[in-house]
C-alpha atoms as a PDB file:
ATOM      1  CA  MET A   1     162.717 -54.150 203.357  1.00  0.00           C
ATOM      2  CA  ILE A   2     159.781 -56.047 204.849  1.00  0.00           C
ATOM      3  CA  GLU A   3     160.378 -59.163 206.929  1.00  0.00           C
ATOM      4  CA  ILE A   4     158.419 -62.235 205.823  1.00  0.00           C
ATOM      5  CA  LEU A   5     157.568 -64.490 208.765  1.00  0.00           C
ATOM      6  CA  SER A   6     158.139 -68.238 208.408  1.00  0.00           C
ATOM      7  CA  CYS A   7     155.391 -70.198 206.698  1.00  0.00           C
ATOM      8  CA  SER A   8     153.572 -72.907 208.584  1.00  0.00           C
ATOM      9  CA  PRO A   9     154.448 -76.555 207.868  1.00  0.00           C
ATOM     10  CA  ARG A  10     151.070 -76.910 206.119  1.00  0.00           C
ATOM     11  CA  ILE A  11     151.948 -74.127 203.669  1.00  0.00           C
ATOM     12  CA  GLN A  12     155.456 -75.484 203.155  1.00  0.00           C
ATOM     13  CA  SER A  13     154.115 -78.938 202.304  1.00  0.00           C
ATOM     14  CA  PHE A  14     151.586 -77.387 199.884  1.00  0.00           C
ATOM     15  CA  ILE A  15     154.452 -75.561 198.131  1.00  0.00           C
ATOM     16  CA  VAL A  16     156.438 -78.780 197.760  1.00  0.00           C
ATOM     17  CA  LYS A  17     153.412 -80.879 196.737  1.00  0.00           C
ATOM     18  CA  HIS A  18     152.477 -78.460 193.929  1.00  0.00           C
ATOM     19  CA  SER A  19     156.076 -77.813 192.772  1.00  0.00           C
ATOM     20  CA  LEU A  20     155.955 -74.113 193.643  1.00  0.00           C
ATOM     21  CA  LYS A  21     159.194 -73.830 195.601  1.00  0.00           C
ATOM     22  CA  LYS A  22     161.181 -71.830 193.024  1.00  0.00           C
ATOM     23  CA  LYS A  23     158.253 -69.580 192.007  1.00  0.00           C
ATOM     24  CA  PHE A  24     157.257 -68.957 195.631  1.00  0.00           C
ATOM     25  CA  ALA A  25     160.830 -68.051 196.616  1.00  0.00           C
ATOM     26  CA  LYS A  26     161.071 -65.567 193.725  1.00  0.00           C
ATOM     27  CA  GLN A  27     157.776 -63.896 194.611  1.00  0.00           C
ATOM     28  CA  ILE A  28     158.675 -63.747 198.324  1.00  0.00           C
ATOM     29  CA  THR A  29     161.918 -61.965 197.424  1.00  0.00           C
ATOM     30  CA  LEU A  30     160.006 -59.433 195.328  1.00  0.00           C
ATOM     31  CA  LEU A  31     157.420 -59.002 198.080  1.00  0.00           C
ATOM     32  CA  SER A  32     160.018 -58.317 200.765  1.00  0.00           C
ATOM     33  CA  GLU A  33     161.849 -55.786 198.572  1.00  0.00           C
ATOM     34  CA  ASN A  34     158.802 -54.042 197.096  1.00  0.00           C
ATOM     35  CA  PRO A  35     155.231 -55.100 197.994  1.00  0.00           C
ATOM     36  CA  LYS A  36     153.961 -52.975 195.091  1.00  0.00           C
ATOM     37  CA  HIS A  37     156.011 -54.776 192.432  1.00  0.00           C
ATOM     38  CA  PRO A  38     153.797 -55.156 189.320  1.00  0.00           C
ATOM     39  CA  SER A  39     154.382 -58.889 188.815  1.00  0.00           C
ATOM     40  CA  LEU A  40     152.954 -59.650 192.270  1.00  0.00           C
ATOM     41  CA  HIS A  41     149.484 -58.319 191.402  1.00  0.00           C
ATOM     42  CA  VAL A  42     148.846 -57.526 195.090  1.00  0.00           C
ATOM     43  CA  GLU A  43     145.142 -57.096 195.896  1.00  0.00           C
ATOM     44  CA  LEU A  44     143.315 -56.094 199.067  1.00  0.00           C
ATOM     45  CA  LEU A  45     140.555 -58.671 199.461  1.00  0.00           C
ATOM     46  CA  GLU A  46     136.949 -58.121 200.538  1.00  0.00           C
ATOM     47  CA  PRO A  47     135.944 -57.284 203.179  1.00  0.00           C
ATOM     48  CA  LYS A  48     138.669 -54.652 203.125  1.00  0.00           C
ATOM     49  CA  SER A  49     138.326 -54.038 206.858  1.00  0.00           C
ATOM     50  CA  GLN A  50     139.974 -57.438 207.498  1.00  0.00           C
ATOM     51  CA  GLY A  51     143.245 -56.260 205.904  1.00  0.00           C
ATOM     52  CA  ILE A  52     143.936 -59.506 204.041  1.00  0.00           C
ATOM     53  CA  TYR A  53     145.888 -59.211 200.796  1.00  0.00           C
ATOM     54  CA  SER A  54     146.833 -61.664 198.081  1.00  0.00           C
ATOM     55  CA  PHE A  55     149.766 -61.874 195.678  1.00  0.00           C
ATOM     56  CA  ARG A  56     150.253 -63.996 192.601  1.00  0.00           C
ATOM     57  CA  ILE A  57     152.648 -66.940 192.750  1.00  0.00           C
ATOM     58  CA  ASP A  58     151.780 -67.886 189.178  1.00  0.00           C
ATOM     59  CA  ARG A  59     148.648 -67.784 187.040  1.00  0.00           C
ATOM     60  CA  LYS A  60     147.010 -70.586 189.035  1.00  0.00           C
ATOM     61  CA  TYR A  61     148.098 -69.956 192.645  1.00  0.00           C
ATOM     62  CA  ARG A  62     147.831 -66.961 194.961  1.00  0.00           C
ATOM     63  CA  ALA A  63     149.084 -66.513 198.517  1.00  0.00           C
ATOM     64  CA  LEU A  64     147.002 -64.725 201.125  1.00  0.00           C
ATOM     65  CA  PHE A  65     148.812 -62.578 203.687  1.00  0.00           C
ATOM     66  CA  PHE A  66     148.400 -59.705 206.090  1.00  0.00           C
ATOM     67  CA  PHE A  67     150.713 -57.031 207.408  1.00  0.00           C
ATOM     68  CA  ARG A  68     151.578 -57.347 211.089  1.00  0.00           C
ATOM     69  CA  PRO A  69     150.622 -54.350 213.271  1.00  0.00           C
ATOM     70  CA  ASP A  70     154.194 -53.008 213.149  1.00  0.00           C
ATOM     71  CA  GLN A  71     153.880 -52.798 209.305  1.00  0.00           C
ATOM     72  CA  GLN A  72     157.487 -54.014 209.034  1.00  0.00           C
ATOM     73  CA  SER A  73     156.610 -57.684 208.676  1.00  0.00           C
ATOM     74  CA  LEU A  74     153.950 -59.802 207.057  1.00  0.00           C
ATOM     75  CA  GLU A  75     152.570 -63.281 207.556  1.00  0.00           C
ATOM     76  CA  ILE A  76     151.491 -65.712 204.845  1.00  0.00           C
ATOM     77  CA  LEU A  77     148.122 -67.210 205.802  1.00  0.00           C
ATOM     78  CA  THR A  78     147.531 -69.747 203.041  1.00  0.00           C
ATOM     79  CA  ILE A  79     147.939 -70.517 199.351  1.00  0.00           C
ATOM     80  CA  THR A  80     144.849 -70.893 197.198  1.00  0.00           C
ATOM     81  CA  VAL A  81     143.929 -71.876 193.682  1.00  0.00           C
ATOM     82  CA  HIS A  82     143.026 -68.564 192.090  1.00  0.00           C
ATOM     83  CA  TYR A  83     140.527 -69.712 189.472  1.00  0.00           C
ATOM     84  CA  LYS A  84     138.371 -72.402 190.940  1.00  0.00           C
END
């Protein structure tokens, strides 16, 4: 199981403002249990050398994250609108 580090207050307020709390919690649970779960649609973003990934919260929103050097934890960087 992968540890998910706490989200910043900015990310937490974004989640509340856009009514994503329940969806985000579900996806975080899937991500911690299996980062390759099909419903997450995990992608390694360009440039690949940066090691930043994204996963789907829903059809509109994606969260950007990276694996910590120990590979046993990950940190959510931000949430973005996927199709803008």
